[in-house]
Amino acid sequence: QVQLVESGGRLVQAGGSLRLSCAASGRTFSRYTMAWFRQAPGKVREFVARISWSGSSTVYGDSAKGRFTISRDNALNMVYLQMNSLKPEDTAVYYCNDDGRSLPWGQGTQVTVSS
């Protein structure tokens, strides 16, 4: 089964950029449409972006449109989230999973954006 490990989160000032990484184990990784989600304190986990198995199709949530870019490297079993023009409301723990949230959740990576 695929296991997920997120990394790259840290404290950043508003307007800054971060690149999150998701490392996936397992030989079936390339079959999955992968996605990023986030969860802010006291809020439900929300969809951020997803990418098809081939990388040819991407979809973004309203909060990510125009600022975030999702990508993947199937040879390395990696999914990335490039986040630009960060805002304090982007503060959350970020997780990757398949689009259907069917894989075991990783520990996530904390992104904190200061104003």
N, C-alpha and C. Protein backbone atom coordinates (compact mmCIF):
# COMPACT_ATOMS: atom_id res chain seq x y z
N GLN A 1 0.83 -1.19 0.00
CA GLN A 1 0.00 0.00 0.00
C GLN A 1 0.88 1.25 0.00
N VAL A 2 0.37 2.30 -0.63
CA VAL A 2 1.13 3.54 -0.71
C VAL A 2 1.15 4.24 0.65
N GLN A 3 2.32 4.70 1.04
CA GLN A 3 2.47 5.51 2.24
C GLN A 3 2.98 6.89 1.83
N LEU A 4 2.54 7.91 2.56
CA LEU A 4 2.78 9.29 2.17
C LEU A 4 3.53 10.05 3.25
N VAL A 5 4.54 10.83 2.84
CA VAL A 5 5.29 11.67 3.76
C VAL A 5 5.40 13.06 3.16
N GLU A 6 4.80 14.03 3.85
CA GLU A 6 4.84 15.41 3.39
C GLU A 6 5.98 16.17 4.05
N SER A 7 6.51 17.17 3.33
CA SER A 7 7.59 17.99 3.88
C SER A 7 7.62 19.34 3.17
N GLY A 8 8.40 20.26 3.74
CA GLY A 8 8.60 21.55 3.10
C GLY A 8 7.90 22.71 3.78
N GLY A 9 7.04 22.43 4.71
CA GLY A 9 6.33 23.51 5.38
C GLY A 9 7.21 24.23 6.38
N ARG A 10 6.95 25.50 6.57
CA ARG A 10 7.69 26.31 7.54
C ARG A 10 6.98 27.62 7.74
N LEU A 11 7.56 28.47 8.57
CA LEU A 11 7.06 29.84 8.78
C LEU A 11 7.56 30.73 7.65
N VAL A 12 6.64 31.46 7.06
CA VAL A 12 7.00 32.36 5.95
C VAL A 12 6.17 33.63 6.07
N GLN A 13 6.71 34.73 5.58
CA GLN A 13 5.96 35.99 5.61
C GLN A 13 4.95 36.04 4.48
N ALA A 14 3.91 36.81 4.71
CA ALA A 14 2.91 37.01 3.66
C ALA A 14 3.58 37.52 2.39
N GLY A 15 3.14 36.99 1.26
CA GLY A 15 3.74 37.33 -0.01
C GLY A 15 4.86 36.41 -0.44
N GLY A 16 5.30 35.58 0.48
CA GLY A 16 6.39 34.67 0.19
C GLY A 16 5.93 33.42 -0.55
N SER A 17 6.90 32.51 -0.77
CA SER A 17 6.65 31.28 -1.50
C SER A 17 7.18 30.08 -0.74
N LEU A 18 6.56 28.95 -1.00
CA LEU A 18 7.01 27.67 -0.46
C LEU A 18 6.77 26.59 -1.48
N ARG A 19 7.59 25.56 -1.43
CA ARG A 19 7.35 24.37 -2.24
C ARG A 19 7.21 23.18 -1.31
N LEU A 20 6.05 22.59 -1.30
CA LEU A 20 5.80 21.40 -0.51
C LEU A 20 6.07 20.16 -1.35
N SER A 21 6.53 19.12 -0.66
CA SER A 21 6.81 17.85 -1.33
C SER A 21 6.04 16.73 -0.64
N CYS A 22 5.65 15.76 -1.41
CA CYS A 22 4.99 14.57 -0.90
C CYS A 22 5.70 13.36 -1.50
N ALA A 23 6.31 12.58 -0.63
CA ALA A 23 7.00 11.37 -1.08
C ALA A 23 6.09 10.18 -0.84
N ALA A 24 5.91 9.38 -1.87
CA ALA A 24 5.01 8.23 -1.79
C ALA A 24 5.79 6.94 -2.00
N SER A 25 5.52 5.99 -1.16
CA SER A 25 6.12 4.67 -1.35
C SER A 25 5.11 3.79 -2.08
N GLY A 26 5.59 2.71 -2.66
CA GLY A 26 4.66 1.81 -3.31
C GLY A 26 4.71 1.90 -4.82
N ARG A 27 4.60 0.76 -5.46
CA ARG A 27 4.77 0.70 -6.90
C ARG A 27 3.55 1.17 -7.68
N THR A 28 2.41 1.35 -6.99
CA THR A 28 1.20 1.73 -7.69
C THR A 28 0.95 3.22 -7.68
N PHE A 29 1.89 4.00 -7.20
CA PHE A 29 1.71 5.45 -7.05
C PHE A 29 1.24 6.09 -8.34
N SER A 30 1.84 5.73 -9.45
CA SER A 30 1.55 6.40 -10.71
C SER A 30 0.12 6.17 -11.19
N ARG A 31 -0.60 5.25 -10.59
CA ARG A 31 -1.98 5.00 -11.00
C ARG A 31 -2.97 6.00 -10.40
N TYR A 32 -2.53 6.71 -9.38
CA TYR A 32 -3.45 7.54 -8.63
C TYR A 32 -3.50 8.98 -9.16
N THR A 33 -4.71 9.52 -9.19
CA THR A 33 -4.86 10.97 -9.24
C THR A 33 -4.54 11.47 -7.84
N MET A 34 -3.54 12.32 -7.73
CA MET A 34 -3.09 12.78 -6.42
C MET A 34 -3.58 14.19 -6.15
N ALA A 35 -3.67 14.50 -4.88
CA ALA A 35 -4.21 15.81 -4.49
C ALA A 35 -3.53 16.31 -3.23
N TRP A 36 -3.62 17.61 -3.05
CA TRP A 36 -3.21 18.25 -1.81
C TRP A 36 -4.48 18.74 -1.10
N PHE A 37 -4.45 18.59 0.22
CA PHE A 37 -5.51 19.09 1.08
C PHE A 37 -4.86 19.90 2.18
N ARG A 38 -5.66 20.68 2.89
CA ARG A 38 -5.13 21.40 4.04
C ARG A 38 -6.19 21.50 5.11
N GLN A 39 -5.71 21.65 6.34
CA GLN A 39 -6.62 21.78 7.47
C GLN A 39 -6.09 22.84 8.41
N ALA A 40 -6.87 23.88 8.56
CA ALA A 40 -6.55 24.95 9.50
C ALA A 40 -7.16 24.62 10.85
N PRO A 41 -6.63 25.18 11.92
CA PRO A 41 -7.17 24.90 13.26
C PRO A 41 -8.66 25.18 13.34
N GLY A 42 -9.42 24.21 13.83
CA GLY A 42 -10.84 24.38 14.01
C GLY A 42 -11.66 24.28 12.75
N LYS A 43 -11.02 23.93 11.64
CA LYS A 43 -11.74 23.85 10.36
C LYS A 43 -11.64 22.46 9.78
N VAL A 44 -12.53 22.15 8.86
CA VAL A 44 -12.48 20.85 8.20
C VAL A 44 -11.35 20.84 7.19
N ARG A 45 -10.91 19.63 6.86
CA ARG A 45 -9.87 19.48 5.86
C ARG A 45 -10.46 19.83 4.50
N GLU A 46 -9.76 20.66 3.75
CA GLU A 46 -10.31 21.11 2.48
C GLU A 46 -9.38 20.78 1.32
N PHE A 47 -9.99 20.65 0.16
CA PHE A 47 -9.27 20.38 -1.07
C PHE A 47 -8.50 21.60 -1.53
N VAL A 48 -7.27 21.38 -1.99
CA VAL A 48 -6.44 22.47 -2.51
C VAL A 48 -6.22 22.32 -4.01
N ALA A 49 -5.75 21.14 -4.43
CA ALA A 49 -5.45 20.93 -5.85
C ALA A 49 -5.31 19.45 -6.11
N ARG A 50 -5.52 19.06 -7.36
CA ARG A 50 -5.29 17.66 -7.74
C ARG A 50 -4.64 17.61 -9.11
N ILE A 51 -4.01 16.46 -9.38
CA ILE A 51 -3.30 16.25 -10.64
C ILE A 51 -3.53 14.82 -11.10
N SER A 52 -3.79 14.67 -12.38
CA SER A 52 -4.06 13.34 -12.94
C SER A 52 -2.81 12.47 -12.89
N TRP A 53 -3.00 11.17 -13.12
CA TRP A 53 -1.88 10.24 -13.03
C TRP A 53 -0.76 10.61 -13.99
N SER A 54 -1.11 11.15 -15.14
CA SER A 54 -0.10 11.50 -16.14
C SER A 54 0.47 12.90 -15.93
N GLY A 55 -0.20 13.69 -15.10
CA GLY A 55 0.23 15.07 -14.91
C GLY A 55 -0.33 16.03 -15.94
N SER A 56 -1.14 15.55 -16.84
CA SER A 56 -1.64 16.38 -17.93
C SER A 56 -2.85 17.23 -17.55
N SER A 57 -3.47 16.89 -16.44
CA SER A 57 -4.68 17.60 -16.03
C SER A 57 -4.57 18.00 -14.57
N THR A 58 -4.87 19.26 -14.30
CA THR A 58 -4.85 19.76 -12.93
C THR A 58 -6.14 20.51 -12.64
N VAL A 59 -6.53 20.49 -11.37
CA VAL A 59 -7.71 21.22 -10.91
C VAL A 59 -7.34 21.88 -9.59
N TYR A 60 -7.81 23.12 -9.41
CA TYR A 60 -7.47 23.86 -8.20
C TYR A 60 -8.72 24.31 -7.48
N GLY A 61 -8.63 24.30 -6.15
CA GLY A 61 -9.69 24.90 -5.37
C GLY A 61 -9.63 26.41 -5.49
N ASP A 62 -10.70 27.05 -5.10
CA ASP A 62 -10.78 28.50 -5.26
C ASP A 62 -9.64 29.22 -4.53
N SER A 63 -9.25 28.69 -3.39
CA SER A 63 -8.20 29.35 -2.61
C SER A 63 -6.83 29.25 -3.27
N ALA A 64 -6.66 28.31 -4.17
CA ALA A 64 -5.35 28.05 -4.79
C ALA A 64 -5.21 28.62 -6.19
N LYS A 65 -6.31 28.93 -6.82
CA LYS A 65 -6.27 29.35 -8.22
C LYS A 65 -5.41 30.59 -8.41
N GLY A 66 -4.50 30.50 -9.36
CA GLY A 66 -3.65 31.63 -9.70
C GLY A 66 -2.43 31.80 -8.81
N ARG A 67 -2.37 31.06 -7.72
CA ARG A 67 -1.24 31.19 -6.80
C ARG A 67 -0.45 29.91 -6.60
N PHE A 68 -1.13 28.77 -6.65
CA PHE A 68 -0.49 27.48 -6.38
C PHE A 68 -0.39 26.67 -7.67
N THR A 69 0.64 25.82 -7.73
CA THR A 69 0.82 24.92 -8.86
C THR A 69 1.16 23.53 -8.34
N ILE A 70 0.37 22.56 -8.76
CA ILE A 70 0.63 21.17 -8.38
C ILE A 70 1.37 20.47 -9.53
N SER A 71 2.29 19.61 -9.18
CA SER A 71 3.03 18.85 -10.18
C SER A 71 3.41 17.50 -9.59
N ARG A 72 3.91 16.62 -10.43
CA ARG A 72 4.30 15.30 -9.95
C ARG A 72 5.44 14.75 -10.80
N ASP A 73 6.17 13.83 -10.20
CA ASP A 73 7.23 13.11 -10.90
C ASP A 73 7.04 11.64 -10.58
N ASN A 74 6.44 10.91 -11.47
CA ASN A 74 6.13 9.51 -11.21
C ASN A 74 7.39 8.66 -11.10
N ALA A 75 8.45 9.05 -11.76
CA ALA A 75 9.69 8.29 -11.67
C ALA A 75 10.27 8.35 -10.27
N LEU A 76 10.01 9.45 -9.58
CA LEU A 76 10.51 9.63 -8.22
C LEU A 76 9.45 9.38 -7.16
N ASN A 77 8.23 9.09 -7.59
CA ASN A 77 7.11 8.92 -6.66
C ASN A 77 6.90 10.18 -5.80
N MET A 78 6.88 11.32 -6.46
CA MET A 78 6.76 12.59 -5.75
C MET A 78 5.62 13.42 -6.31
N VAL A 79 4.99 14.17 -5.40
CA VAL A 79 4.00 15.19 -5.77
C VAL A 79 4.43 16.49 -5.10
N TYR A 80 4.29 17.58 -5.81
CA TYR A 80 4.74 18.87 -5.30
C TYR A 80 3.59 19.88 -5.31
N LEU A 81 3.74 20.88 -4.44
CA LEU A 81 2.82 22.01 -4.44
C LEU A 81 3.65 23.27 -4.30
N GLN A 82 3.74 24.02 -5.39
CA GLN A 82 4.41 25.31 -5.37
C GLN A 82 3.38 26.36 -4.97
N MET A 83 3.67 27.07 -3.90
CA MET A 83 2.73 28.06 -3.38
C MET A 83 3.39 29.43 -3.42
N ASN A 84 2.77 30.34 -4.14
CA ASN A 84 3.27 31.71 -4.26
C ASN A 84 2.26 32.69 -3.68
N SER A 85 2.72 33.90 -3.44
CA SER A 85 1.84 34.96 -2.92
C SER A 85 1.06 34.48 -1.71
N LEU A 86 1.75 33.89 -0.78
CA LEU A 86 1.09 33.30 0.38
C LEU A 86 0.41 34.35 1.24
N LYS A 87 -0.71 33.95 1.83
CA LYS A 87 -1.51 34.82 2.68
C LYS A 87 -1.64 34.19 4.07
N PRO A 88 -1.90 35.00 5.08
CA PRO A 88 -2.08 34.41 6.42
C PRO A 88 -3.18 33.34 6.44
N GLU A 89 -4.19 33.48 5.63
CA GLU A 89 -5.25 32.47 5.61
C GLU A 89 -4.83 31.15 4.97
N ASP A 90 -3.62 31.09 4.42
CA ASP A 90 -3.08 29.82 3.93
C ASP A 90 -2.46 29.00 5.05
N THR A 91 -2.40 29.56 6.23
CA THR A 91 -1.85 28.84 7.38
C THR A 91 -2.68 27.60 7.66
N ALA A 92 -2.01 26.44 7.65
CA ALA A 92 -2.70 25.17 7.83
C ALA A 92 -1.67 24.05 7.82
N VAL A 93 -2.13 22.87 8.17
CA VAL A 93 -1.34 21.66 7.92
C VAL A 93 -1.75 21.13 6.55
N TYR A 94 -0.76 20.89 5.72
CA TYR A 94 -0.99 20.45 4.35
C TYR A 94 -0.70 18.95 4.23
N TYR A 95 -1.61 18.27 3.56
CA TYR A 95 -1.53 16.81 3.38
C TYR A 95 -1.66 16.49 1.90
N CYS A 96 -1.02 15.39 1.50
CA CYS A 96 -1.30 14.84 0.18
C CYS A 96 -2.05 13.53 0.36
N ASN A 97 -2.79 13.15 -0.66
CA ASN A 97 -3.52 11.89 -0.67
C ASN A 97 -4.00 11.67 -2.09
N ASP A 98 -4.57 10.55 -2.35
CA ASP A 98 -5.20 10.42 -3.65
C ASP A 98 -6.49 11.22 -3.64
N ASP A 99 -7.02 11.48 -4.81
CA ASP A 99 -8.16 12.38 -4.91
C ASP A 99 -9.35 11.90 -4.09
N GLY A 100 -9.48 10.60 -3.91
CA GLY A 100 -10.58 10.06 -3.14
C GLY A 100 -10.29 9.89 -1.67
N ARG A 101 -9.13 10.38 -1.25
CA ARG A 101 -8.74 10.31 0.17
C ARG A 101 -8.73 8.88 0.68
N SER A 102 -8.34 7.95 -0.15
CA SER A 102 -8.44 6.55 0.21
C SER A 102 -7.16 5.99 0.82
N LEU A 103 -6.07 6.74 0.72
CA LEU A 103 -4.80 6.25 1.25
C LEU A 103 -4.65 6.66 2.71
N PRO A 104 -3.83 5.95 3.48
CA PRO A 104 -3.57 6.38 4.86
C PRO A 104 -2.96 7.78 4.87
N TRP A 105 -3.46 8.64 5.73
CA TRP A 105 -2.95 9.99 5.79
C TRP A 105 -1.54 10.01 6.38
N GLY A 106 -0.69 10.87 5.83
CA GLY A 106 0.61 11.12 6.43
C GLY A 106 0.48 12.07 7.60
N GLN A 107 1.62 12.53 8.10
CA GLN A 107 1.59 13.42 9.25
C GLN A 107 1.32 14.87 8.85
N GLY A 108 1.41 15.15 7.58
CA GLY A 108 1.22 16.51 7.10
C GLY A 108 2.44 17.37 7.34
N THR A 109 2.40 18.57 6.78
CA THR A 109 3.48 19.53 6.98
C THR A 109 2.87 20.89 7.28
N GLN A 110 3.37 21.53 8.33
CA GLN A 110 2.79 22.79 8.82
C GLN A 110 3.28 23.97 8.01
N VAL A 111 2.35 24.73 7.49
CA VAL A 111 2.66 25.99 6.83
C VAL A 111 2.06 27.11 7.67
N THR A 112 2.90 28.05 8.05
CA THR A 112 2.45 29.20 8.83
C THR A 112 2.86 30.47 8.09
N VAL A 113 1.87 31.29 7.78
CA VAL A 113 2.13 32.53 7.05
C VAL A 113 1.86 33.70 7.99
N SER A 114 2.88 34.47 8.25
CA SER A 114 2.74 35.62 9.15
C SER A 114 2.40 36.87 8.35
N SER A 115 1.63 37.75 8.98
CA SER A 115 1.22 38.99 8.31
C SER A 115 2.23 40.10 8.50
